[in-house]
Amino acid sequence: MRLEELAARLTILDAKVNYLTTGVYNVIPVTNGLSELDARLTVLETTVDSLVSQKTNEVMTSVAIADSSDNITSNVGTIVALSPSATFPDAAEIVTAIVQLQVESPAIESEAVAGAVATAITAIITAQPEVVVEASEITEAIITSLNDYQAVWNESEFDNAVDSIATIINEITGEETTDEIKDQIAVAIGSQPDAILDAIEERLNIVEAKYSTLVSK
């Protein structure tokens, strides 16, 4: 039966992905038919997308801090092939052009700046094709991704990062990046973790877990 064949394929892939993420090869067959197949596939899709994003960011960071080389160029080609845009010509052209531009750019000496640039390009690579081809949407996706990027900056590095990301947005949209967008970039990469709030969140997580244990009995 087709359902059984798909369930077997998912079971094998699920075990492989679990081994990749945890080091444990744990085979758990699909036992409850279509509903479980759908639910587990949803989780698997999310996990694999996360792994792709992480790998993409690692490769793009390597590209940003190194001069162009055949090895890096080959790796980037593999990453672009994993992009949701890979089979959509208009979006694929944009993604490829942005990645190639970074490959051909001089190495970035600052790790903080390189990380910010890699984060922005990863957002482009992992975005859905309909987002990539819309200037406002891909700009928003880039800035949103930068909200989670944390770095310790000096003033020159910070300004360099803002300018570098503005250039990327300019290249992908074909329009001059406005001061308003540059301000949004600055706010996104300038936010730093609050140690007090981090501590409160950790304590709150513990209390929530204890509460869940109480009400589950």
N, C-alpha and C. Protein backbone atom coordinates (compact mmCIF):
# COMPACT_ATOMS: atom_id res chain seq x y z
N MET A 1 0.84 -1.20 0.00
CA MET A 1 0.00 0.00 0.00
C MET A 1 0.87 1.25 0.00
N ARG A 2 0.36 2.29 -0.63
CA ARG A 2 1.13 3.52 -0.73
C ARG A 2 1.40 4.13 0.64
N LEU A 3 0.40 4.11 1.52
CA LEU A 3 0.56 4.66 2.87
C LEU A 3 1.69 3.96 3.60
N GLU A 4 1.75 2.66 3.50
CA GLU A 4 2.79 1.89 4.19
C GLU A 4 4.16 2.21 3.62
N GLU A 5 4.25 2.39 2.31
CA GLU A 5 5.52 2.72 1.68
C GLU A 5 6.02 4.10 2.15
N LEU A 6 5.11 5.06 2.17
CA LEU A 6 5.48 6.40 2.63
C LEU A 6 5.87 6.39 4.10
N ALA A 7 5.14 5.62 4.89
CA ALA A 7 5.45 5.51 6.32
C ALA A 7 6.83 4.91 6.54
N ALA A 8 7.18 3.91 5.72
CA ALA A 8 8.50 3.28 5.84
C ALA A 8 9.60 4.27 5.47
N ARG A 9 9.39 5.04 4.41
CA ARG A 9 10.38 6.05 4.01
C ARG A 9 10.56 7.10 5.09
N LEU A 10 9.44 7.56 5.65
CA LEU A 10 9.52 8.57 6.71
C LEU A 10 10.24 8.02 7.94
N THR A 11 9.95 6.77 8.28
CA THR A 11 10.58 6.16 9.45
C THR A 11 12.09 6.13 9.31
N ILE A 12 12.57 5.74 8.13
CA ILE A 12 14.01 5.67 7.88
C ILE A 12 14.64 7.06 7.92
N LEU A 13 13.98 8.02 7.25
CA LEU A 13 14.52 9.38 7.23
C LEU A 13 14.50 10.01 8.61
N ASP A 14 13.43 9.77 9.36
CA ASP A 14 13.32 10.29 10.71
C ASP A 14 14.48 9.78 11.58
N ALA A 15 14.80 8.49 11.44
CA ALA A 15 15.90 7.90 12.21
C ALA A 15 17.23 8.52 11.81
N LYS A 16 17.43 8.76 10.52
CA LYS A 16 18.68 9.35 10.04
C LYS A 16 18.83 10.78 10.56
N VAL A 17 17.75 11.56 10.51
CA VAL A 17 17.81 12.94 10.98
C VAL A 17 18.04 12.98 12.48
N ASN A 18 17.40 12.07 13.20
CA ASN A 18 17.59 11.99 14.64
C ASN A 18 19.04 11.67 14.98
N TYR A 19 19.65 10.77 14.20
CA TYR A 19 21.06 10.44 14.42
C TYR A 19 21.94 11.65 14.13
N LEU A 20 21.60 12.39 13.09
CA LEU A 20 22.37 13.58 12.73
C LEU A 20 22.33 14.63 13.83
N THR A 21 21.20 14.76 14.49
CA THR A 21 21.03 15.82 15.49
C THR A 21 21.40 15.38 16.90
N THR A 22 21.28 14.07 17.20
CA THR A 22 21.50 13.61 18.57
C THR A 22 22.59 12.56 18.71
N GLY A 23 22.98 11.93 17.59
CA GLY A 23 23.95 10.86 17.66
C GLY A 23 23.33 9.52 18.01
N VAL A 24 22.01 9.48 18.10
CA VAL A 24 21.29 8.25 18.44
C VAL A 24 20.44 7.82 17.24
N TYR A 25 20.63 6.58 16.79
CA TYR A 25 19.84 6.06 15.67
C TYR A 25 18.65 5.32 16.25
N ASN A 26 17.52 6.00 16.30
CA ASN A 26 16.33 5.47 16.97
C ASN A 26 15.20 5.33 15.96
N VAL A 27 14.87 4.08 15.61
CA VAL A 27 13.84 3.82 14.60
C VAL A 27 12.48 3.70 15.29
N ILE A 28 11.59 4.62 14.98
CA ILE A 28 10.24 4.60 15.56
C ILE A 28 9.23 4.50 14.42
N PRO A 29 8.66 3.32 14.17
CA PRO A 29 7.72 3.16 13.05
C PRO A 29 6.46 4.00 13.23
N VAL A 30 5.87 4.36 12.11
CA VAL A 30 4.56 5.02 12.13
C VAL A 30 3.51 3.96 12.40
N THR A 31 2.75 4.13 13.48
CA THR A 31 1.81 3.08 13.90
C THR A 31 0.35 3.45 13.77
N ASN A 32 0.06 4.75 13.66
CA ASN A 32 -1.35 5.17 13.70
C ASN A 32 -1.83 5.79 12.39
N GLY A 33 -1.29 5.31 11.28
CA GLY A 33 -1.83 5.69 10.00
C GLY A 33 -1.54 7.11 9.56
N LEU A 34 -2.46 7.65 8.77
CA LEU A 34 -2.26 8.91 8.08
C LEU A 34 -2.05 10.09 9.02
N SER A 35 -2.79 10.14 10.12
CA SER A 35 -2.68 11.27 11.03
C SER A 35 -1.29 11.37 11.64
N GLU A 36 -0.74 10.23 12.06
CA GLU A 36 0.61 10.24 12.63
C GLU A 36 1.65 10.53 11.56
N LEU A 37 1.44 9.98 10.37
CA LEU A 37 2.36 10.24 9.26
C LEU A 37 2.45 11.74 8.99
N ASP A 38 1.31 12.39 8.94
CA ASP A 38 1.26 13.83 8.68
C ASP A 38 1.93 14.62 9.81
N ALA A 39 1.64 14.26 11.04
CA ALA A 39 2.19 14.98 12.19
C ALA A 39 3.71 14.83 12.26
N ARG A 40 4.20 13.62 12.06
CA ARG A 40 5.64 13.40 12.14
C ARG A 40 6.38 14.03 10.97
N LEU A 41 5.74 14.05 9.81
CA LEU A 41 6.37 14.70 8.66
C LEU A 41 6.48 16.21 8.89
N THR A 42 5.48 16.79 9.53
CA THR A 42 5.52 18.22 9.85
C THR A 42 6.71 18.54 10.75
N VAL A 43 6.90 17.71 11.77
CA VAL A 43 8.04 17.91 12.68
C VAL A 43 9.35 17.72 11.94
N LEU A 44 9.41 16.70 11.08
CA LEU A 44 10.62 16.42 10.33
C LEU A 44 10.96 17.56 9.37
N GLU A 45 9.95 18.12 8.73
CA GLU A 45 10.17 19.25 7.84
C GLU A 45 10.81 20.42 8.59
N THR A 46 10.28 20.71 9.77
CA THR A 46 10.79 21.81 10.57
C THR A 46 12.23 21.56 10.99
N THR A 47 12.52 20.34 11.41
CA THR A 47 13.87 19.99 11.85
C THR A 47 14.87 20.11 10.71
N VAL A 48 14.52 19.59 9.55
CA VAL A 48 15.43 19.63 8.40
C VAL A 48 15.64 21.07 7.93
N ASP A 49 14.57 21.86 7.91
CA ASP A 49 14.71 23.27 7.53
C ASP A 49 15.65 23.99 8.48
N SER A 50 15.56 23.67 9.77
CA SER A 50 16.45 24.28 10.76
C SER A 50 17.90 23.87 10.52
N LEU A 51 18.12 22.60 10.19
CA LEU A 51 19.47 22.11 9.90
C LEU A 51 20.03 22.77 8.64
N VAL A 52 19.19 22.93 7.64
CA VAL A 52 19.62 23.59 6.41
C VAL A 52 20.02 25.04 6.70
N SER A 53 19.20 25.73 7.50
CA SER A 53 19.49 27.11 7.85
C SER A 53 20.81 27.22 8.60
N GLN A 54 21.03 26.31 9.55
CA GLN A 54 22.27 26.32 10.33
C GLN A 54 23.48 26.07 9.43
N LYS A 55 23.38 25.07 8.55
CA LYS A 55 24.48 24.76 7.64
C LYS A 55 24.74 25.92 6.69
N THR A 56 23.67 26.52 6.19
CA THR A 56 23.79 27.66 5.29
C THR A 56 24.54 28.79 5.96
N ASN A 57 24.17 29.07 7.20
CA ASN A 57 24.82 30.16 7.93
C ASN A 57 26.30 29.86 8.14
N GLU A 58 26.63 28.62 8.44
CA GLU A 58 28.04 28.24 8.64
C GLU A 58 28.84 28.45 7.36
N VAL A 59 28.27 28.02 6.23
CA VAL A 59 28.98 28.17 4.96
C VAL A 59 29.12 29.64 4.59
N MET A 60 28.05 30.41 4.78
CA MET A 60 28.12 31.83 4.41
C MET A 60 29.07 32.60 5.32
N THR A 61 29.19 32.20 6.56
CA THR A 61 30.19 32.83 7.44
C THR A 61 31.59 32.53 6.94
N SER A 62 31.81 31.29 6.51
CA SER A 62 33.11 30.92 5.95
C SER A 62 33.41 31.73 4.69
N VAL A 63 32.39 31.92 3.87
CA VAL A 63 32.56 32.72 2.66
C VAL A 63 32.92 34.16 3.00
N ALA A 64 32.23 34.72 3.99
CA ALA A 64 32.42 36.13 4.33
C ALA A 64 33.82 36.42 4.85
N ILE A 65 34.42 35.46 5.58
CA ILE A 65 35.72 35.72 6.20
C ILE A 65 36.89 35.20 5.38
N ALA A 66 36.60 34.62 4.22
CA ALA A 66 37.68 34.06 3.40
C ALA A 66 37.65 34.66 2.01
N ASP A 67 38.82 34.67 1.36
CA ASP A 67 38.86 35.05 -0.04
C ASP A 67 38.26 33.93 -0.88
N SER A 68 37.81 34.29 -2.05
CA SER A 68 37.14 33.31 -2.91
C SER A 68 38.04 32.12 -3.20
N SER A 69 37.47 30.94 -3.16
CA SER A 69 38.21 29.73 -3.53
C SER A 69 37.26 28.75 -4.20
N ASP A 70 37.81 27.84 -4.99
CA ASP A 70 36.98 26.86 -5.69
C ASP A 70 36.21 26.00 -4.71
N ASN A 71 36.84 25.66 -3.59
CA ASN A 71 36.19 24.80 -2.60
C ASN A 71 34.97 25.49 -2.01
N ILE A 72 35.11 26.76 -1.61
CA ILE A 72 33.99 27.50 -1.04
C ILE A 72 32.89 27.70 -2.08
N THR A 73 33.29 28.02 -3.31
CA THR A 73 32.31 28.22 -4.37
C THR A 73 31.48 26.96 -4.58
N SER A 74 32.14 25.79 -4.55
CA SER A 74 31.43 24.53 -4.71
C SER A 74 30.45 24.30 -3.58
N ASN A 75 30.86 24.58 -2.35
CA ASN A 75 29.98 24.42 -1.19
C ASN A 75 28.76 25.32 -1.30
N VAL A 76 28.98 26.53 -1.74
CA VAL A 76 27.88 27.48 -1.88
C VAL A 76 26.88 26.99 -2.92
N GLY A 77 27.37 26.40 -4.00
CA GLY A 77 26.48 25.85 -5.00
C GLY A 77 25.56 24.80 -4.42
N THR A 78 26.10 24.00 -3.52
CA THR A 78 25.30 22.98 -2.85
C THR A 78 24.24 23.62 -1.97
N ILE A 79 24.63 24.68 -1.25
CA ILE A 79 23.69 25.38 -0.38
C ILE A 79 22.57 26.03 -1.18
N VAL A 80 22.91 26.67 -2.28
CA VAL A 80 21.89 27.31 -3.11
C VAL A 80 20.90 26.27 -3.62
N ALA A 81 21.40 25.08 -3.91
CA ALA A 81 20.51 24.01 -4.38
C ALA A 81 19.50 23.60 -3.33
N LEU A 82 19.82 23.84 -2.05
CA LEU A 82 18.89 23.51 -0.96
C LEU A 82 17.87 24.61 -0.71
N SER A 83 18.05 25.75 -1.35
CA SER A 83 17.14 26.88 -1.14
C SER A 83 15.76 26.56 -1.70
N PRO A 84 14.70 27.02 -1.02
CA PRO A 84 13.35 26.86 -1.58
C PRO A 84 13.21 27.51 -2.96
N SER A 85 14.11 28.45 -3.25
CA SER A 85 14.05 29.16 -4.53
C SER A 85 14.72 28.41 -5.67
N ALA A 86 15.39 27.30 -5.36
CA ALA A 86 16.25 26.63 -6.33
C ALA A 86 15.54 26.27 -7.63
N THR A 87 14.28 25.90 -7.56
CA THR A 87 13.55 25.46 -8.76
C THR A 87 12.62 26.53 -9.32
N PHE A 88 12.77 27.76 -8.83
CA PHE A 88 11.97 28.89 -9.32
C PHE A 88 12.92 29.89 -9.97
N PRO A 89 12.98 29.92 -11.30
CA PRO A 89 14.04 30.65 -12.01
C PRO A 89 14.27 32.09 -11.54
N ASP A 90 13.22 32.90 -11.40
CA ASP A 90 13.40 34.30 -11.04
C ASP A 90 14.03 34.43 -9.65
N ALA A 91 13.51 33.66 -8.71
CA ALA A 91 14.03 33.71 -7.35
C ALA A 91 15.43 33.10 -7.28
N ALA A 92 15.64 32.00 -7.99
CA ALA A 92 16.95 31.34 -7.99
C ALA A 92 18.03 32.26 -8.54
N GLU A 93 17.68 33.04 -9.54
CA GLU A 93 18.64 33.98 -10.12
C GLU A 93 19.08 35.02 -9.08
N ILE A 94 18.13 35.50 -8.29
CA ILE A 94 18.45 36.49 -7.26
C ILE A 94 19.33 35.88 -6.18
N VAL A 95 18.94 34.71 -5.70
CA VAL A 95 19.71 34.04 -4.64
C VAL A 95 21.13 33.77 -5.10
N THR A 96 21.26 33.22 -6.30
CA THR A 96 22.58 32.89 -6.83
C THR A 96 23.44 34.15 -6.99
N ALA A 97 22.84 35.23 -7.47
CA ALA A 97 23.58 36.47 -7.67
C ALA A 97 24.10 37.03 -6.35
N ILE A 98 23.27 36.97 -5.30
CA ILE A 98 23.69 37.50 -4.00
C ILE A 98 24.82 36.66 -3.41
N VAL A 99 24.68 35.34 -3.51
CA VAL A 99 25.73 34.46 -2.98
C VAL A 99 27.02 34.66 -3.77
N GLN A 100 26.92 34.73 -5.09
CA GLN A 100 28.11 34.91 -5.91
C GLN A 100 28.78 36.24 -5.62
N LEU A 101 27.97 37.26 -5.36
CA LEU A 101 28.52 38.57 -5.03
C LEU A 101 29.38 38.49 -3.76
N GLN A 102 28.90 37.75 -2.77
CA GLN A 102 29.66 37.63 -1.53
C GLN A 102 30.92 36.78 -1.73
N VAL A 103 30.80 35.75 -2.56
CA VAL A 103 31.96 34.91 -2.85
C VAL A 103 33.08 35.74 -3.48
N GLU A 104 32.70 36.67 -4.34
CA GLU A 104 33.68 37.47 -5.05
C GLU A 104 34.13 38.70 -4.28
N SER A 105 33.49 38.98 -3.14
CA SER A 105 33.86 40.16 -2.35
C SER A 105 35.11 39.89 -1.52
N PRO A 106 35.84 40.94 -1.16
CA PRO A 106 37.01 40.76 -0.29
C PRO A 106 36.61 40.17 1.05
N ALA A 107 37.54 39.47 1.66
CA ALA A 107 37.26 38.85 2.96
C ALA A 107 36.94 39.93 3.99
N ILE A 108 36.02 39.63 4.88
CA ILE A 108 35.65 40.54 5.97
C ILE A 108 36.49 40.17 7.19
N GLU A 109 37.26 41.12 7.69
CA GLU A 109 38.17 40.82 8.80
C GLU A 109 37.45 40.69 10.14
N SER A 110 36.39 41.45 10.32
CA SER A 110 35.66 41.43 11.59
C SER A 110 34.71 40.23 11.65
N GLU A 111 34.84 39.41 12.68
CA GLU A 111 33.93 38.28 12.84
C GLU A 111 32.49 38.74 13.08
N ALA A 112 32.35 39.85 13.81
CA ALA A 112 31.01 40.37 14.10
C ALA A 112 30.31 40.79 12.81
N VAL A 113 31.03 41.50 11.94
CA VAL A 113 30.46 41.95 10.68
C VAL A 113 30.18 40.75 9.78
N ALA A 114 31.12 39.81 9.72
CA ALA A 114 30.94 38.61 8.89
C ALA A 114 29.71 37.83 9.32
N GLY A 115 29.50 37.72 10.63
CA GLY A 115 28.33 37.01 11.13
C GLY A 115 27.04 37.68 10.75
N ALA A 116 27.01 39.01 10.81
CA ALA A 116 25.81 39.75 10.43
C ALA A 116 25.51 39.59 8.94
N VAL A 117 26.56 39.67 8.13
CA VAL A 117 26.39 39.50 6.69
C VAL A 117 25.89 38.09 6.38
N ALA A 118 26.48 37.10 7.04
CA ALA A 118 26.06 35.71 6.82
C ALA A 118 24.60 35.51 7.21
N THR A 119 24.19 36.14 8.31
CA THR A 119 22.80 36.03 8.75
C THR A 119 21.85 36.61 7.70
N ALA A 120 22.21 37.76 7.15
CA ALA A 120 21.37 38.39 6.13
C ALA A 120 21.26 37.53 4.88
N ILE A 121 22.39 36.97 4.44
CA ILE A 121 22.37 36.15 3.23
C ILE A 121 21.64 34.84 3.48
N THR A 122 21.79 34.29 4.67
CA THR A 122 21.06 33.07 5.01
C THR A 122 19.56 33.31 4.94
N ALA A 123 19.12 34.49 5.39
CA ALA A 123 17.69 34.83 5.31
C ALA A 123 17.21 34.83 3.86
N ILE A 124 18.06 35.28 2.96
CA ILE A 124 17.70 35.30 1.54
C ILE A 124 17.63 33.88 0.98
N ILE A 125 18.64 33.09 1.31
CA ILE A 125 18.72 31.72 0.78
C ILE A 125 17.55 30.87 1.28
N THR A 126 17.18 31.03 2.53
CA THR A 126 16.15 30.16 3.13
C THR A 126 14.73 30.70 2.98
N ALA A 127 14.59 31.90 2.43
CA ALA A 127 13.25 32.47 2.24
C ALA A 127 12.51 31.72 1.13
N GLN A 128 11.19 31.77 1.19
CA GLN A 128 10.37 31.21 0.13
C GLN A 128 10.51 32.06 -1.14
N PRO A 129 10.39 31.45 -2.31
CA PRO A 129 10.64 32.19 -3.56
C PRO A 129 9.76 33.42 -3.73
N GLU A 130 8.51 33.32 -3.27
CA GLU A 130 7.62 34.48 -3.43
C GLU A 130 8.06 35.65 -2.55
N VAL A 131 8.81 35.35 -1.49
CA VAL A 131 9.37 36.41 -0.65
C VAL A 131 10.60 37.02 -1.31
N VAL A 132 11.45 36.16 -1.87
CA VAL A 132 12.69 36.60 -2.49
C VAL A 132 12.45 37.64 -3.59
N VAL A 133 11.40 37.44 -4.37
CA VAL A 133 11.16 38.32 -5.53
C VAL A 133 10.40 39.59 -5.18
N GLU A 134 9.97 39.74 -3.93
CA GLU A 134 9.28 40.95 -3.50
C GLU A 134 10.21 41.79 -2.63
N ALA A 135 10.55 42.99 -3.11
CA ALA A 135 11.55 43.81 -2.43
C ALA A 135 11.21 44.08 -0.97
N SER A 136 9.99 44.46 -0.70
CA SER A 136 9.62 44.80 0.68
C SER A 136 9.63 43.58 1.58
N GLU A 137 9.21 42.44 1.05
CA GLU A 137 9.12 41.23 1.87
C GLU A 137 10.50 40.66 2.18
N ILE A 138 11.41 40.65 1.21
CA ILE A 138 12.74 40.11 1.48
C ILE A 138 13.52 41.04 2.39
N THR A 139 13.28 42.35 2.27
CA THR A 139 13.91 43.31 3.18
C THR A 139 13.44 43.05 4.60
N GLU A 140 12.15 42.83 4.78
CA GLU A 140 11.60 42.54 6.10
C GLU A 140 12.17 41.23 6.65
N ALA A 141 12.29 40.23 5.78
CA ALA A 141 12.83 38.93 6.21
C ALA A 141 14.27 39.06 6.69
N ILE A 142 15.06 39.86 5.99
CA ILE A 142 16.46 40.08 6.38
C ILE A 142 16.53 40.76 7.74
N ILE A 143 15.76 41.83 7.90
CA ILE A 143 15.80 42.58 9.16
C ILE A 143 15.29 41.73 10.31
N THR A 144 14.25 40.94 10.06
CA THR A 144 13.72 40.04 11.09
C THR A 144 14.79 39.05 11.54
N SER A 145 15.53 38.49 10.58
CA SER A 145 16.58 37.53 10.93
C SER A 145 17.67 38.19 11.76
N LEU A 146 17.94 39.45 11.50
CA LEU A 146 19.00 40.17 12.22
C LEU A 146 18.61 40.49 13.66
N ASN A 147 17.31 40.46 13.94
CA ASN A 147 16.87 40.72 15.32
C ASN A 147 17.42 39.68 16.30
N ASP A 148 17.71 38.49 15.77
CA ASP A 148 18.22 37.42 16.62
C ASP A 148 19.74 37.35 16.63
N TYR A 149 20.38 38.23 15.87
CA TYR A 149 21.84 38.21 15.80
C TYR A 149 22.43 39.06 16.91
N GLN A 150 23.36 38.50 17.64
CA GLN A 150 23.99 39.20 18.75
C GLN A 150 25.49 39.29 18.52
N ALA A 151 26.06 40.46 18.76
CA ALA A 151 27.51 40.64 18.63
C ALA A 151 27.94 41.80 19.51
N VAL A 152 29.21 41.76 19.88
CA VAL A 152 29.80 42.89 20.60
C VAL A 152 30.48 43.78 19.57
N TRP A 153 30.04 45.03 19.49
CA TRP A 153 30.48 45.91 18.42
C TRP A 153 31.38 47.04 18.94
N ASN A 154 32.33 47.44 18.09
CA ASN A 154 32.87 48.79 18.25
C ASN A 154 32.21 49.64 17.17
N GLU A 155 32.39 50.94 17.24
CA GLU A 155 31.62 51.84 16.37
C GLU A 155 31.89 51.59 14.89
N SER A 156 33.15 51.40 14.52
CA SER A 156 33.48 51.22 13.11
C SER A 156 32.92 49.90 12.58
N GLU A 157 32.98 48.84 13.39
CA GLU A 157 32.41 47.56 12.98
C GLU A 157 30.90 47.67 12.79
N PHE A 158 30.26 48.35 13.72
CA PHE A 158 28.81 48.51 13.66
C PHE A 158 28.40 49.22 12.38
N ASP A 159 29.07 50.34 12.09
CA ASP A 159 28.76 51.10 10.88
C ASP A 159 29.03 50.26 9.63
N ASN A 160 30.11 49.48 9.66
CA ASN A 160 30.47 48.63 8.53
C ASN A 160 29.40 47.57 8.30
N ALA A 161 28.90 46.99 9.39
CA ALA A 161 27.86 45.97 9.27
C ALA A 161 26.59 46.54 8.66
N VAL A 162 26.18 47.71 9.15
CA VAL A 162 24.97 48.35 8.61
C VAL A 162 25.14 48.62 7.12
N ASP A 163 26.30 49.16 6.73
CA ASP A 163 26.54 49.48 5.32
C ASP A 163 26.58 48.21 4.46
N SER A 164 27.20 47.16 4.99
CA SER A 164 27.31 45.91 4.23
C SER A 164 25.94 45.30 3.99
N ILE A 165 25.10 45.30 5.01
CA ILE A 165 23.75 44.72 4.86
C ILE A 165 22.89 45.61 3.97
N ALA A 166 23.06 46.91 4.08
CA ALA A 166 22.33 47.84 3.20
C ALA A 166 22.71 47.58 1.74
N THR A 167 23.98 47.27 1.49
CA THR A 167 24.43 46.97 0.14
C THR A 167 23.79 45.69 -0.39
N ILE A 168 23.68 44.69 0.48
CA ILE A 168 23.03 43.43 0.10
C ILE A 168 21.57 43.68 -0.28
N ILE A 169 20.88 44.47 0.54
CA ILE A 169 19.47 44.78 0.26
C ILE A 169 19.36 45.56 -1.05
N ASN A 170 20.29 46.48 -1.25
CA ASN A 170 20.30 47.26 -2.49
C ASN A 170 20.46 46.35 -3.70
N GLU A 171 21.37 45.38 -3.59
CA GLU A 171 21.62 44.47 -4.70
C GLU A 171 20.41 43.58 -4.99
N ILE A 172 19.74 43.13 -3.95
CA ILE A 172 18.64 42.20 -4.16
C ILE A 172 17.37 42.90 -4.63
N THR A 173 17.18 44.15 -4.21
CA THR A 173 15.97 44.87 -4.59
C THR A 173 16.15 45.75 -5.82
N GLY A 174 17.40 46.08 -6.11
CA GLY A 174 17.68 46.97 -7.23
C GLY A 174 17.35 48.42 -6.94
N GLU A 175 17.11 48.72 -5.67
CA GLU A 175 16.77 50.08 -5.26
C GLU A 175 17.75 50.56 -4.18
N GLU A 176 18.01 51.86 -4.16
CA GLU A 176 18.88 52.42 -3.14
C GLU A 176 18.26 52.23 -1.76
N THR A 177 19.05 51.70 -0.84
CA THR A 177 18.55 51.46 0.51
C THR A 177 18.35 52.78 1.24
N THR A 178 17.15 53.00 1.74
CA THR A 178 16.82 54.29 2.36
C THR A 178 17.43 54.40 3.76
N ASP A 179 17.48 55.62 4.25
CA ASP A 179 17.97 55.84 5.62
C ASP A 179 17.06 55.15 6.63
N GLU A 180 15.78 55.07 6.33
CA GLU A 180 14.85 54.40 7.23
C GLU A 180 15.19 52.92 7.37
N ILE A 181 15.51 52.28 6.25
CA ILE A 181 15.89 50.86 6.29
C ILE A 181 17.20 50.70 7.03
N LYS A 182 18.15 51.61 6.80
CA LYS A 182 19.42 51.54 7.51
C LYS A 182 19.21 51.68 9.01
N ASP A 183 18.30 52.53 9.40
CA ASP A 183 17.98 52.68 10.83
C ASP A 183 17.41 51.38 11.39
N GLN A 184 16.56 50.71 10.61
CA GLN A 184 15.98 49.43 11.05
C GLN A 184 17.07 48.36 11.19
N ILE A 185 18.02 48.35 10.27
CA ILE A 185 19.14 47.42 10.36
C ILE A 185 19.93 47.69 11.63
N ALA A 186 20.21 48.99 11.89
CA ALA A 186 20.98 49.36 13.07
C ALA A 186 20.29 48.93 14.36
N VAL A 187 18.99 49.12 14.41
CA VAL A 187 18.23 48.71 15.60
C VAL A 187 18.29 47.19 15.75
N ALA A 188 18.15 46.47 14.63
CA ALA A 188 18.14 45.01 14.67
C ALA A 188 19.46 44.43 15.18
N ILE A 189 20.57 44.90 14.66
CA ILE A 189 21.86 44.33 15.07
C ILE A 189 22.40 44.98 16.32
N GLY A 190 21.78 46.06 16.75
CA GLY A 190 22.27 46.77 17.93
C GLY A 190 21.66 46.29 19.22
N SER A 191 20.58 45.52 19.13
CA SER A 191 19.95 45.04 20.36
C SER A 191 20.84 43.99 21.00
N GLN A 192 21.05 44.14 22.29
CA GLN A 192 21.92 43.23 23.03
C GLN A 192 21.11 42.48 24.08
N PRO A 193 21.52 41.27 24.44
CA PRO A 193 20.77 40.50 25.44
C PRO A 193 20.81 41.18 26.80
N ASP A 194 19.71 41.16 27.49
CA ASP A 194 19.59 41.75 28.82
C ASP A 194 19.78 40.64 29.84
N ALA A 195 20.87 40.70 30.59
CA ALA A 195 21.22 39.63 31.53
C ALA A 195 20.14 39.45 32.59
N ILE A 196 19.55 40.55 33.04
CA ILE A 196 18.52 40.45 34.08
C ILE A 196 17.28 39.74 33.53
N LEU A 197 16.86 40.12 32.34
CA LEU A 197 15.70 39.48 31.73
C LEU A 197 15.99 38.01 31.41
N ASP A 198 17.22 37.71 31.00
CA ASP A 198 17.59 36.33 30.74
C ASP A 198 17.44 35.49 32.01
N ALA A 199 17.89 36.03 33.13
CA ALA A 199 17.79 35.32 34.40
C ALA A 199 16.34 35.12 34.81
N ILE A 200 15.52 36.16 34.62
CA ILE A 200 14.10 36.06 34.96
C ILE A 200 13.42 35.01 34.08
N GLU A 201 13.76 35.01 32.79
CA GLU A 201 13.16 34.03 31.88
C GLU A 201 13.52 32.61 32.29
N GLU A 202 14.77 32.39 32.68
CA GLU A 202 15.20 31.07 33.11
C GLU A 202 14.43 30.62 34.35
N ARG A 203 14.27 31.52 35.31
CA ARG A 203 13.52 31.19 36.53
C ARG A 203 12.06 30.91 36.20
N LEU A 204 11.50 31.71 35.27
CA LEU A 204 10.10 31.52 34.88
C LEU A 204 9.91 30.17 34.20
N ASN A 205 10.89 29.77 33.37
CA ASN A 205 10.81 28.47 32.72
C ASN A 205 10.75 27.34 33.75
N ILE A 206 11.54 27.46 34.80
CA ILE A 206 11.57 26.44 35.85
C ILE A 206 10.22 26.36 36.57
N VAL A 207 9.67 27.54 36.91
CA VAL A 207 8.39 27.58 37.62
C VAL A 207 7.28 27.00 36.75
N GLU A 208 7.28 27.34 35.46
CA GLU A 208 6.27 26.81 34.54
C GLU A 208 6.36 25.29 34.46
N ALA A 209 7.59 24.77 34.42
CA ALA A 209 7.77 23.32 34.35
C ALA A 209 7.25 22.64 35.61
N LYS A 210 7.51 23.24 36.76
CA LYS A 210 7.02 22.70 38.02
C LYS A 210 5.49 22.70 38.06
N TYR A 211 4.90 23.80 37.59
CA TYR A 211 3.44 23.90 37.56
C TYR A 211 2.84 22.81 36.68
N SER A 212 3.46 22.60 35.51
CA SER A 212 2.97 21.56 34.59
C SER A 212 3.00 20.19 35.24
N THR A 213 4.06 19.94 36.05
CA THR A 213 4.17 18.67 36.75
C THR A 213 3.06 18.52 37.78
N LEU A 214 2.75 19.61 38.47
CA LEU A 214 1.70 19.58 39.49
C LEU A 214 0.33 19.24 38.90
N VAL A 215 -0.02 19.91 37.82
CA VAL A 215 -1.37 19.76 37.27
C VAL A 215 -1.52 18.49 36.43
N SER A 216 -0.40 17.85 36.11
CA SER A 216 -0.48 16.64 35.29
C SER A 216 -0.73 15.39 36.13
N LYS A 217 -0.67 15.53 37.47
CA LYS A 217 -0.88 14.38 38.34
C LYS A 217 -2.30 14.36 38.88
